[in-house]
Structures are given as structure tokens and as C-alpha cells.
PDB file of N, CA and C in Angstrom:
ATOM      1  N   MET A   1      94.290 200.837 106.603  1.00  0.00           N
ATOM      2  CA  MET A   1      94.658 202.189 106.790  1.00  0.00           C
ATOM      3  C   MET A   1      96.051 201.992 107.550  1.00  0.00           C
ATOM      4  N   SER A   2      97.044 203.099 106.899  1.00  0.00           N
ATOM      5  CA  SER A   2      98.374 203.279 108.061  1.00  0.00           C
ATOM      6  C   SER A   2      98.226 205.109 107.981  1.00  0.00           C
ATOM      7  N   THR A   3      99.119 205.478 108.624  1.00  0.00           N
ATOM      8  CA  THR A   3      99.554 206.809 108.391  1.00  0.00           C
ATOM      9  C   THR A   3     100.903 206.679 109.221  1.00  0.00           C
ATOM     10  N   THR A   4     101.857 207.609 108.275  1.00  0.00           N
ATOM     11  CA  THR A   4     103.633 206.937 108.975  1.00  0.00           C
ATOM     12  C   THR A   4     103.964 208.330 108.853  1.00  0.00           C
ATOM     13  N   ILE A   5     104.906 208.641 109.908  1.00  0.00           N
ATOM     14  CA  ILE A   5     105.803 210.069 109.832  1.00  0.00           C
ATOM     15  C   ILE A   5     107.157 209.321 109.752  1.00  0.00           C
ATOM     16  N   SER A   6     107.890 210.363 108.987  1.00  0.00           N
ATOM     17  CA  SER A   6     109.101 210.363 108.908  1.00  0.00           C
ATOM     18  C   SER A   6     110.164 211.468 108.918  1.00  0.00           C
ATOM     19  N   LEU A   7     111.066 211.337 110.054  1.00  0.00           N
ATOM     20  CA  LEU A   7     112.108 212.693 110.550  1.00  0.00           C
ATOM     21  C   LEU A   7     112.992 212.057 109.947  1.00  0.00           C
ATOM     22  N   PHE A   8     114.000 212.915 109.512  1.00  0.00           N
ATOM     23  CA  PHE A   8     115.580 212.565 109.160  1.00  0.00           C
ATOM     24  C   PHE A   8     116.592 213.776 109.913  1.00  0.00           C
ATOM     25  N   TYR A   9     117.790 213.334 110.451  1.00  0.00           N
ATOM     26  CA  TYR A   9     118.562 214.117 110.809  1.00  0.00           C
ATOM     27  C   TYR A   9     119.777 214.073 110.440  1.00  0.00           C
ATOM     28  N   GLY A  10     120.555 214.734 109.803  1.00  0.00           N
ATOM     29  CA  GLY A  10     121.858 215.077 109.207  1.00  0.00           C
ATOM     30  C   GLY A  10     122.858 214.932 109.680  1.00  0.00           C
ATOM     31  N   LEU A  11     123.552 214.153 109.862  1.00  0.00           N
ATOM     32  CA  LEU A  11     124.470 213.811 110.888  1.00  0.00           C
ATOM     33  C   LEU A  11     125.730 213.967 110.342  1.00  0.00           C
ATOM     34  N   SER A  12     126.316 213.721 108.740  1.00  0.00           N
ATOM     35  CA  SER A  12     127.334 214.053 108.252  1.00  0.00           C
ATOM     36  C   SER A  12     126.723 214.443 106.634  1.00  0.00           C
ATOM     37  N   ASP A  13     127.358 215.035 105.838  1.00  0.00           N
ATOM     38  CA  ASP A  13     126.659 214.898 104.279  1.00  0.00           C
ATOM     39  C   ASP A  13     126.769 213.776 103.919  1.00  0.00           C
ATOM     40  N   ASN A  14     126.968 212.805 104.036  1.00  0.00           N
ATOM     41  CA  ASN A  14     126.832 211.392 103.759  1.00  0.00           C
ATOM     42  C   ASN A  14     125.946 210.508 104.629  1.00  0.00           C
ATOM     43  N   LEU A  15     125.292 211.228 105.829  1.00  0.00           N
ATOM     44  CA  LEU A  15     124.867 209.989 106.644  1.00  0.00           C
ATOM     45  C   LEU A  15     123.842 210.564 107.226  1.00  0.00           C
ATOM     46  N   ASP A  16     122.413 209.919 107.300  1.00  0.00           N
ATOM     47  CA  ASP A  16     121.622 210.837 108.213  1.00  0.00           C
ATOM     48  C   ASP A  16     120.986 209.402 109.188  1.00  0.00           C
ATOM     49  N   LEU A  17     120.394 210.556 110.275  1.00  0.00           N
ATOM     50  CA  LEU A  17     119.360 209.004 111.258  1.00  0.00           C
ATOM     51  C   LEU A  17     118.101 209.532 110.746  1.00  0.00           C
ATOM     52  N   VAL A  18     117.451 208.467 110.608  1.00  0.00           N
ATOM     53  CA  VAL A  18     116.379 208.416 110.207  1.00  0.00           C
ATOM     54  C   VAL A  18     114.775 207.278 111.549  1.00  0.00           C
ATOM     55  N   GLY A  19     114.318 208.213 111.503  1.00  0.00           N
ATOM     56  CA  GLY A  19     113.264 207.666 112.579  1.00  0.00           C
ATOM     57  C   GLY A  19     112.021 208.126 111.956  1.00  0.00           C
ATOM     58  N   ARG A  20     110.948 206.722 111.860  1.00  0.00           N
ATOM     59  CA  ARG A  20     109.676 206.766 111.712  1.00  0.00           C
ATOM     60  C   ARG A  20     108.775 206.274 112.817  1.00  0.00           C
ATOM     61  N   ALA A  21     107.570 207.115 112.643  1.00  0.00           N
ATOM     62  CA  ALA A  21     106.115 206.429 113.734  1.00  0.00           C
ATOM     63  C   ALA A  21     105.446 206.227 113.045  1.00  0.00           C
ATOM     64  N   GLY A  22     104.646 205.733 113.118  1.00  0.00           N
ATOM     65  CA  GLY A  22     103.140 205.346 112.233  1.00  0.00           C
ATOM     66  C   GLY A  22     101.910 204.523 113.424  1.00  0.00           C
ATOM     67  N   TRP A  23     101.165 204.300 112.759  1.00  0.00           N
ATOM     68  CA  TRP A  23      99.693 203.721 113.308  1.00  0.00           C
ATOM     69  C   TRP A  23      98.941 203.128 112.353  1.00  0.00           C
ATOM     70  N   PHE A  24      98.168 202.005 112.791  1.00  0.00           N
ATOM     71  CA  PHE A  24      97.879 201.382 111.076  1.00  0.00           C
ATOM     72  C   PHE A  24      96.443 200.463 111.713  1.00  0.00           C
ATOM     73  N   LYS A  25      95.490 200.278 111.190  1.00  0.00           N
ATOM     74  CA  LYS A  25      94.518 199.690 111.319  1.00  0.00           C
ATOM     75  C   LYS A  25      94.305 198.481 110.609  1.00  0.00           C
ATOM     76  N   THR A  26      94.405 197.285 110.668  1.00  0.00           N
ATOM     77  CA  THR A  26      93.970 195.963 110.125  1.00  0.00           C
ATOM     78  C   THR A  26      92.475 195.809 110.253  1.00  0.00           C
ATOM     79  N   LYS A  27      92.355 194.752 108.959  1.00  0.00           N
ATOM     80  CA  LYS A  27      90.763 194.675 108.919  1.00  0.00           C
ATOM     81  C   LYS A  27      90.458 193.357 108.480  1.00  0.00           C
ATOM     82  N   VAL A  28      90.297 192.186 108.471  1.00  0.00           N
ATOM     83  CA  VAL A  28      90.504 191.004 107.740  1.00  0.00           C
ATOM     84  C   VAL A  28      89.024 190.008 108.040  1.00  0.00           C
ATOM     85  N   SER A  29      88.221 189.530 106.634  1.00  0.00           N
ATOM     86  CA  SER A  29      87.474 188.652 107.050  1.00  0.00           C
ATOM     87  C   SER A  29      86.952 188.343 106.081  1.00  0.00           C
ATOM     88  N   GLY A  30      86.433 186.990 106.031  1.00  0.00           N
ATOM     89  CA  GLY A  30      86.634 186.111 104.941  1.00  0.00           C
ATOM     90  C   GLY A  30      85.894 184.666 105.216  1.00  0.00           C
ATOM     91  N   GLY A  31      85.445 184.008 104.488  1.00  0.00           N
ATOM     92  CA  GLY A  31      84.686 182.166 105.415  1.00  0.00           C
ATOM     93  C   GLY A  31      84.350 183.016 106.239  1.00  0.00           C
ATOM     94  N   GLY A  32      83.126 183.612 106.906  1.00  0.00           N
ATOM     95  CA  GLY A  32      82.884 183.395 108.092  1.00  0.00           C
ATOM     96  C   GLY A  32      83.605 184.086 108.800  1.00  0.00           C
ATOM     97  N   LEU A  33      84.855 184.397 108.914  1.00  0.00           N
ATOM     98  CA  LEU A  33      85.747 184.714 110.259  1.00  0.00           C
ATOM     99  C   LEU A  33      86.171 186.392 109.750  1.00  0.00           C
ATOM    100  N   SER A  34      86.519 186.616 111.184  1.00  0.00           N
ATOM    101  CA  SER A  34      86.688 188.909 111.009  1.00  0.00           C
ATOM    102  C   SER A  34      87.935 188.954 111.886  1.00  0.00           C
ATOM    103  N   ALA A  35      88.755 189.370 111.962  1.00  0.00           N
ATOM    104  CA  ALA A  35      89.247 190.332 113.141  1.00  0.00           C
ATOM    105  C   ALA A  35      89.993 191.323 112.515  1.00  0.00           C
ATOM    106  N   SER A  36      90.240 192.137 113.824  1.00  0.00           N
ATOM    107  CA  SER A  36      90.671 193.491 113.464  1.00  0.00           C
ATOM    108  C   SER A  36      92.000 193.673 114.749  1.00  0.00           C
ATOM    109  N   ASP A  37      92.458 194.910 113.944  1.00  0.00           N
ATOM    110  CA  ASP A  37      93.481 195.331 115.199  1.00  0.00           C
ATOM    111  C   ASP A  37      93.438 196.463 115.138  1.00  0.00           C
ATOM    112  N   ASP A  38      94.364 197.499 115.902  1.00  0.00           N
ATOM    113  CA  ASP A  38      94.884 198.651 115.819  1.00  0.00           C
ATOM    114  C   ASP A  38      96.326 198.253 116.171  1.00  0.00           C
ATOM    115  N   GLY A  39      97.088 199.069 115.943  1.00  0.00           N
ATOM    116  CA  GLY A  39      98.866 198.714 116.373  1.00  0.00           C
ATOM    117  C   GLY A  39      99.352 199.936 115.813  1.00  0.00           C
ATOM    118  N   TYR A  40     100.752 200.064 116.193  1.00  0.00           N
ATOM    119  CA  TYR A  40     101.517 201.162 116.182  1.00  0.00           C
ATOM    120  C   TYR A  40     103.029 200.457 115.771  1.00  0.00           C
ATOM    121  N   MET A  41     103.693 201.480 115.226  1.00  0.00           N
ATOM    122  CA  MET A  41     105.393 201.029 114.902  1.00  0.00           C
ATOM    123  C   MET A  41     106.036 202.361 115.099  1.00  0.00           C
ATOM    124  N   VAL A  42     107.337 202.378 115.667  1.00  0.00           N
ATOM    125  CA  VAL A  42     108.627 203.335 115.422  1.00  0.00           C
ATOM    126  C   VAL A  42     109.820 202.283 114.775  1.00  0.00           C
ATOM    127  N   SER A  43     110.683 202.995 114.046  1.00  0.00           N
ATOM    128  CA  SER A  43     111.555 202.889 113.613  1.00  0.00           C
ATOM    129  C   SER A  43     112.891 203.697 113.699  1.00  0.00           C
ATOM    130  N   ALA A  44     113.890 203.157 113.536  1.00  0.00           N
ATOM    131  CA  ALA A  44     115.226 204.076 113.538  1.00  0.00           C
ATOM    132  C   ALA A  44     116.372 203.200 113.329  1.00  0.00           C
ATOM    133  N   GLY A  45     116.912 204.303 112.191  1.00  0.00           N
ATOM    134  CA  GLY A  45     118.253 203.735 111.657  1.00  0.00           C
ATOM    135  C   GLY A  45     118.958 204.784 111.019  1.00  0.00           C
ATOM    136  N   LEU A  46     119.989 204.403 110.241  1.00  0.00           N
ATOM    137  CA  LEU A  46     121.218 205.045 109.714  1.00  0.00           C
ATOM    138  C   LEU A  46     121.007 205.015 108.109  1.00  0.00           C
ATOM    139  N   ARG A  47     121.062 205.753 107.507  1.00  0.00           N
ATOM    140  CA  ARG A  47     120.680 205.424 106.006  1.00  0.00           C
ATOM    141  C   ARG A  47     122.024 206.711 105.287  1.00  0.00           C
ATOM    142  N   GLY A  48     122.582 206.264 104.357  1.00  0.00           N
ATOM    143  CA  GLY A  48     124.325 207.072 103.806  1.00  0.00           C
ATOM    144  C   GLY A  48     124.247 206.708 102.622  1.00  0.00           C
ATOM    145  N   LYS A  49     125.226 207.601 101.227  1.00  0.00           N
ATOM    146  CA  LYS A  49     125.747 207.358 100.702  1.00  0.00           C
ATOM    147  C   LYS A  49     127.227 206.906 100.717  1.00  0.00           C
ATOM    148  N   ALA A  50     126.992 205.694 100.008  1.00  0.00           N
ATOM    149  CA  ALA A  50     128.592 204.948  99.769  1.00  0.00           C
ATOM    150  C   ALA A  50     129.026 205.039  98.603  1.00  0.00           C
ATOM    151  N   GLY A  51     128.788 206.585  97.822  1.00  0.00           N
ATOM    152  CA  GLY A  51     128.856 206.357  96.297  1.00  0.00           C
ATOM    153  C   GLY A  51     128.603 207.140  96.097  1.00  0.00           C
ATOM    154  N   ASP A  52     128.283 207.625  94.919  1.00  0.00           N
ATOM    155  CA  ASP A  52     127.737 208.828  93.771  1.00  0.00           C
ATOM    156  C   ASP A  52     126.320 208.440  93.644  1.00  0.00           C
ATOM    157  N   LYS A  53     126.486 206.824  93.537  1.00  0.00           N
ATOM    158  CA  LYS A  53     125.047 206.036  92.818  1.00  0.00           C
ATOM    159  C   LYS A  53     124.336 205.095  93.670  1.00  0.00           C
ATOM    160  N   VAL A  54     125.087 204.939  95.122  1.00  0.00           N
ATOM    161  CA  VAL A  54     124.196 204.521  95.978  1.00  0.00           C
ATOM    162  C   VAL A  54     124.400 204.350  97.019  1.00  0.00           C
ATOM    163  N   GLU A  55     122.768 204.015  97.995  1.00  0.00           N
ATOM    164  CA  GLU A  55     122.842 204.632  98.958  1.00  0.00           C
ATOM    165  C   GLU A  55     122.870 203.059  99.894  1.00  0.00           C
ATOM    166  N   LEU A  56     122.829 203.109 101.258  1.00  0.00           N
ATOM    167  CA  LEU A  56     122.615 201.546 101.870  1.00  0.00           C
ATOM    168  C   LEU A  56     122.149 202.276 103.445  1.00  0.00           C
ATOM    169  N   GLU A  57     121.172 201.638 103.849  1.00  0.00           N
ATOM    170  CA  GLU A  57     120.889 201.636 104.950  1.00  0.00           C
ATOM    171  C   GLU A  57     119.917 200.812 105.678  1.00  0.00           C
ATOM    172  N   GLY A  58     120.344 200.852 107.183  1.00  0.00           N
ATOM    173  CA  GLY A  58     120.258 199.842 107.924  1.00  0.00           C
ATOM    174  C   GLY A  58     119.097 200.365 108.848  1.00  0.00           C
ATOM    175  N   SER A  59     118.439 199.046 109.805  1.00  0.00           N
ATOM    176  CA  SER A  59     117.437 199.681 110.785  1.00  0.00           C
ATOM    177  C   SER A  59     116.786 199.072 111.472  1.00  0.00           C
ATOM    178  N   VAL A  60     115.861 199.080 112.819  1.00  0.00           N
ATOM    179  CA  VAL A  60     115.203 198.419 113.439  1.00  0.00           C
ATOM    180  C   VAL A  60     113.891 199.020 113.610  1.00  0.00           C
ATOM    181  N   ILE A  61     113.126 198.484 113.313  1.00  0.00           N
ATOM    182  CA  ILE A  61     111.378 198.689 113.487  1.00  0.00           C
ATOM    183  C   ILE A  61     111.145 197.749 114.910  1.00  0.00           C
ATOM    184  N   TYR A  62     109.892 198.237 115.469  1.00  0.00           N
ATOM    185  CA  TYR A  62     109.269 198.177 116.652  1.00  0.00           C
ATOM    186  C   TYR A  62     107.558 198.258 116.042  1.00  0.00           C
ATOM    187  N   ALA A  63     106.791 196.594 115.519  1.00  0.00           N
ATOM    188  CA  ALA A  63     105.571 197.193 115.666  1.00  0.00           C
ATOM    189  C   ALA A  63     104.805 196.097 116.993  1.00  0.00           C
ATOM    190  N   ASP A  64     103.733 196.838 116.879  1.00  0.00           N
ATOM    191  CA  ASP A  64     102.731 196.174 118.424  1.00  0.00           C
ATOM    192  C   ASP A  64     101.643 196.583 117.688  1.00  0.00           C
ATOM    193  N   LEU A  65     100.925 195.471 117.320  1.00  0.00           N
ATOM    194  CA  LEU A  65      99.524 195.638 116.913  1.00  0.00           C
ATOM    195  C   LEU A  65      98.430 195.493 117.608  1.00  0.00           C
ATOM    196  N   GLY A  66      98.487 194.916 119.214  1.00  0.00           N
ATOM    197  CA  GLY A  66      98.103 194.377 120.407  1.00  0.00           C
ATOM    198  C   GLY A  66      97.094 193.264 119.759  1.00  0.00           C
ATOM    199  N   GLY A  67      95.923 192.567 120.714  1.00  0.00           N
ATOM    200  CA  GLY A  67      95.056 191.707 120.482  1.00  0.00           C
ATOM    201  C   GLY A  67      96.104 190.803 120.461  1.00  0.00           C
ATOM    202  N   ASN A  68      95.672 189.860 119.844  1.00  0.00           N
ATOM    203  CA  ASN A  68      95.721 188.569 119.329  1.00  0.00           C
ATOM    204  C   ASN A  68      97.408 188.574 118.596  1.00  0.00           C
ATOM    205  N   SER A  69      97.935 189.790 118.082  1.00  0.00           N
ATOM    206  CA  SER A  69      98.629 189.584 117.037  1.00  0.00           C
ATOM    207  C   SER A  69      99.969 190.028 117.520  1.00  0.00           C
ATOM    208  N   GLY A  70      99.685 190.583 119.117  1.00  0.00           N
ATOM    209  CA  GLY A  70     101.539 191.161 119.418  1.00  0.00           C
ATOM    210  C   GLY A  70     102.530 191.772 119.155  1.00  0.00           C
ATOM    211  N   ASN A  71     103.587 191.809 119.395  1.00  0.00           N
ATOM    212  CA  ASN A  71     104.574 192.463 118.593  1.00  0.00           C
ATOM    213  C   ASN A  71     105.555 191.956 117.934  1.00  0.00           C
ATOM    214  N   SER A  72     106.569 192.656 117.367  1.00  0.00           N
ATOM    215  CA  SER A  72     107.801 192.209 116.555  1.00  0.00           C
ATOM    216  C   SER A  72     108.683 193.551 116.633  1.00  0.00           C
ATOM    217  N   THR A  73     109.869 193.044 116.631  1.00  0.00           N
ATOM    218  CA  THR A  73     111.077 193.484 116.586  1.00  0.00           C
ATOM    219  C   THR A  73     111.564 193.008 114.912  1.00  0.00           C
ATOM    220  N   THR A  74     111.494 193.566 113.809  1.00  0.00           N
ATOM    221  CA  THR A  74     112.312 193.510 112.710  1.00  0.00           C
ATOM    222  C   THR A  74     113.936 194.172 112.854  1.00  0.00           C
ATOM    223  N   GLY A  75     115.093 193.737 111.976  1.00  0.00           N
ATOM    224  CA  GLY A  75     116.021 194.319 111.606  1.00  0.00           C
ATOM    225  C   GLY A  75     115.565 194.323 109.450  1.00  0.00           C
ATOM    226  N   VAL A  76     115.805 195.574 109.284  1.00  0.00           N
ATOM    227  CA  VAL A  76     116.263 195.842 108.208  1.00  0.00           C
ATOM    228  C   VAL A  76     117.803 196.369 107.651  1.00  0.00           C
ATOM    229  N   VAL A  77     117.788 195.710 106.332  1.00  0.00           N
ATOM    230  CA  VAL A  77     119.102 195.934 105.658  1.00  0.00           C
ATOM    231  C   VAL A  77     118.953 196.260 104.520  1.00  0.00           C
ATOM    232  N   ALA A  78     118.764 197.788 103.795  1.00  0.00           N
ATOM    233  CA  ALA A  78     118.412 197.844 102.127  1.00  0.00           C
ATOM    234  C   ALA A  78     119.937 198.737 101.146  1.00  0.00           C
ATOM    235  N   GLY A  79     119.773 198.822 100.049  1.00  0.00           N
ATOM    236  CA  GLY A  79     120.333 199.076  98.994  1.00  0.00           C
ATOM    237  C   GLY A  79     119.754 199.427  98.053  1.00  0.00           C
ATOM    238  N   ARG A  80     120.090 200.878  97.417  1.00  0.00           N
ATOM    239  CA  ARG A  80     119.618 201.348  96.376  1.00  0.00           C
ATOM    240  C   ARG A  80     120.580 202.450  95.048  1.00  0.00           C
ATOM    241  N   TYR A  81     120.334 201.717  94.056  1.00  0.00           N
ATOM    242  CA  TYR A  81     121.332 202.204  93.386  1.00  0.00           C
ATOM    243  C   TYR A  81     120.532 203.001  91.987  1.00  0.00           C
ATOM    244  N   TYR A  82     120.615 204.477  92.274  1.00  0.00           N
ATOM    245  CA  TYR A  82     120.012 205.497  91.909  1.00  0.00           C
ATOM    246  C   TYR A  82     120.848 205.715  90.464  1.00  0.00           C
ATOM    247  N   PHE A  83     119.797 205.403  89.284  1.00  0.00           N
ATOM    248  CA  PHE A  83     120.291 205.702  88.021  1.00  0.00           C
ATOM    249  C   PHE A  83     120.125 207.644  87.456  1.00  0.00           C
ATOM    250  N   THR A  84     119.197 208.316  88.151  1.00  0.00           N
ATOM    251  CA  THR A  84     119.700 209.412  88.186  1.00  0.00           C
ATOM    252  C   THR A  84     119.280 210.308  89.094  1.00  0.00           C
ATOM    253  N   ASP A  85     118.885 211.513  90.087  1.00  0.00           N
ATOM    254  CA  ASP A  85     119.263 211.802  91.252  1.00  0.00           C
ATOM    255  C   ASP A  85     118.047 211.794  91.528  1.00  0.00           C
ATOM    256  N   THR A  86     116.372 211.191  90.326  1.00  0.00           N
ATOM    257  CA  THR A  86     115.323 210.828  90.969  1.00  0.00           C
ATOM    258  C   THR A  86     114.948 209.343  90.783  1.00  0.00           C
ATOM    259  N   LEU A  87     115.990 208.435  90.343  1.00  0.00           N
ATOM    260  CA  LEU A  87     115.024 207.080  89.736  1.00  0.00           C
ATOM    261  C   LEU A  87     116.359 206.092  90.571  1.00  0.00           C
ATOM    262  N   ALA A  88     115.523 205.344  91.397  1.00  0.00           N
ATOM    263  CA  ALA A  88     117.033 204.221  91.877  1.00  0.00           C
ATOM    264  C   ALA A  88     115.779 203.357  92.190  1.00  0.00           C
ATOM    265  N   LEU A  89     116.825 201.807  91.869  1.00  0.00           N
ATOM    266  CA  LEU A  89     116.467 200.692  92.090  1.00  0.00           C
ATOM    267  C   LEU A  89     116.731 199.844  93.361  1.00  0.00           C
ATOM    268  N   GLY A  90     115.812 199.916  94.331  1.00  0.00           N
ATOM    269  CA  GLY A  90     116.534 199.446  95.449  1.00  0.00           C
ATOM    270  C   GLY A  90     116.163 197.492  95.932  1.00  0.00           C
ATOM    271  N   ALA A  91     116.832 197.015  96.920  1.00  0.00           N
ATOM    272  CA  ALA A  91     116.541 196.082  97.526  1.00  0.00           C
ATOM    273  C   ALA A  91     116.810 195.655  98.871  1.00  0.00           C
ATOM    274  N   GLU A  92     115.578 194.984  99.232  1.00  0.00           N
ATOM    275  CA  GLU A  92     115.691 195.008 100.732  1.00  0.00           C
ATOM    276  C   GLU A  92     115.489 193.856 101.595  1.00  0.00           C
ATOM    277  N   TYR A  93     116.208 193.538 102.465  1.00  0.00           N
ATOM    278  CA  TYR A  93     116.046 192.037 103.256  1.00  0.00           C
ATOM    279  C   TYR A  93     115.572 192.533 105.097  1.00  0.00           C
ATOM    280  N   GLN A  94     114.331 191.930 105.627  1.00  0.00           N
ATOM    281  CA  GLN A  94     113.986 192.167 106.412  1.00  0.00           C
ATOM    282  C   GLN A  94     113.683 190.702 107.403  1.00  0.00           C
ATOM    283  N   HIS A  95     114.316 190.876 108.602  1.00  0.00           N
ATOM    284  CA  HIS A  95     113.989 189.381 109.478  1.00  0.00           C
ATOM    285  C   HIS A  95     113.424 190.135 110.876  1.00  0.00           C
ATOM    286  N   SER A  96     112.684 188.724 110.804  1.00  0.00           N
ATOM    287  CA  SER A  96     112.252 188.893 112.603  1.00  0.00           C
ATOM    288  C   SER A  96     112.506 187.129 112.868  1.00  0.00           C
ATOM    289  N   SER A  97     111.806 187.311 114.144  1.00  0.00           N
ATOM    290  CA  SER A  97     111.421 185.575 114.136  1.00  0.00           C
ATOM    291  C   SER A  97     110.864 185.033 114.356  1.00  0.00           C
ATOM    292  N   ASP A  98     109.738 185.603 113.238  1.00  0.00           N
ATOM    293  CA  ASP A  98     108.644 184.980 112.742  1.00  0.00           C
ATOM    294  C   ASP A  98     109.012 184.927 111.615  1.00  0.00           C
ATOM    295  N   ALA A  99     109.372 185.812 110.842  1.00  0.00           N
ATOM    296  CA  ALA A  99     109.723 185.282 109.582  1.00  0.00           C
ATOM    297  C   ALA A  99     110.710 186.480 108.642  1.00  0.00           C
ATOM    298  N   SER A 100     110.623 185.976 107.706  1.00  0.00           N
ATOM    299  CA  SER A 100     111.954 187.185 106.415  1.00  0.00           C
ATOM    300  C   SER A 100     111.403 187.188 105.736  1.00  0.00           C
ATOM    301  N   SER A 101     112.038 188.318 104.801  1.00  0.00           N
ATOM    302  CA  SER A 101     111.856 188.978 103.540  1.00  0.00           C
ATOM    303  C   SER A 101     112.424 189.350 103.097  1.00  0.00           C
ATOM    304  N   TYR A 102     112.319 188.977 101.124  1.00  0.00           N
ATOM    305  CA  TYR A 102     112.904 190.281 100.320  1.00  0.00           C
ATOM    306  C   TYR A 102     112.247 190.882  99.799  1.00  0.00           C
ATOM    307  N   LEU A 103     113.040 192.083  99.167  1.00  0.00           N
ATOM    308  CA  LEU A 103     111.959 193.414  98.705  1.00  0.00           C
ATOM    309  C   LEU A 103     112.984 193.930  97.420  1.00  0.00           C
ATOM    310  N   VAL A 104     112.045 193.993  96.252  1.00  0.00           N
ATOM    311  CA  VAL A 104     112.762 194.423  95.398  1.00  0.00           C
ATOM    312  C   VAL A 104     111.916 195.532  94.957  1.00  0.00           C
ATOM    313  N   GLY A 105     112.008 196.779  94.553  1.00  0.00           N
ATOM    314  CA  GLY A 105     111.538 198.353  94.175  1.00  0.00           C
ATOM    315  C   GLY A 105     111.948 199.367  93.627  1.00  0.00           C
ATOM    316  N   VAL A 106     111.245 199.932  92.701  1.00  0.00           N
ATOM    317  CA  VAL A 106     111.966 201.403  92.367  1.00  0.00           C
ATOM    318  C   VAL A 106     111.393 202.232  93.249  1.00  0.00           C
ATOM    319  N   ARG A 107     111.832 203.548  93.120  1.00  0.00           N
ATOM    320  CA  ARG A 107     111.961 204.926  93.853  1.00  0.00           C
ATOM    321  C   ARG A 107     112.218 205.448  93.270  1.00  0.00           C
ATOM    322  N   PHE A 108     111.013 206.709  93.774  1.00  0.00           N
ATOM    323  CA  PHE A 108     111.119 207.649  92.653  1.00  0.00           C
ATOM    324  C   PHE A 108     110.981 209.139  93.574  1.00  0.00           C
ATOM    325  N   ASN A 109     111.922 210.158  93.666  1.00  0.00           N
ATOM    326  CA  ASN A 109     112.009 211.428  94.526  1.00  0.00           C
ATOM    327  C   ASN A 109     111.801 212.266  93.798  1.00  0.00           C
ATOM    328  N   PHE A 110     110.945 213.215  94.126  1.00  0.00           N
ATOM    329  CA  PHE A 110     110.589 213.977  93.936  1.00  0.00           C
ATOM    330  C   PHE A 110     110.491 215.214  94.949  1.00  0.00           C
TER     331      PHE A 110
END
């Protein structure tokens, strides 16, 4: 379960300051073991248009799960190509000291 709030502030016609804050609760059980943690995350970054159809984003995410899970800081670089004003294909790379991940997805704006 999670709750996230996003805020955007226009720095120019093509560049936004992006901030996010969230709270989440994790609960895992299986094989006779169980664990649960509550935590929060905050993020800040820049998102901007690099052309009519291309959007780029860079941000830093700090997450603290408390308990045994600890905290982490993650750097994020993302790009999206808009086929229409509402439909985009995106790719994202996230890196922290613990792990790296690549994500590919579709964004629908309404």
C-alpha cells in the first residue's frame, strides 16, 4: 500500500522542477516468515522537453523504510517519446548503491 503526492513547478516553458513525497507500507509473508515495514520517500528533479516529441527527466529519490530495511538514495534518468499529446513510450534507468534497474513503459496522459 502506498500514497504519493507529486508537485510540479514551471521554471520555463520547457522545464519543470518536479517533487514527490510518499508513504508506503510493506508486508511480506511466506514459508513461515513474515516482515513488515512502514516508510517514506522524497524525490526532486528536473523534467523538460528536448523537442516536440521528446521529454527527458533526471531526479534523486531518497527512501527510508525504517526497521531492518534502512534507507537508500537512488539516481534516476528517464526519457519519453510522445507519439501523440497523450501517449508516450518511455525508458528509465535507476541506480543506487544496492541495485540498478531498467524500466520500459507506456505513459498515458489525460
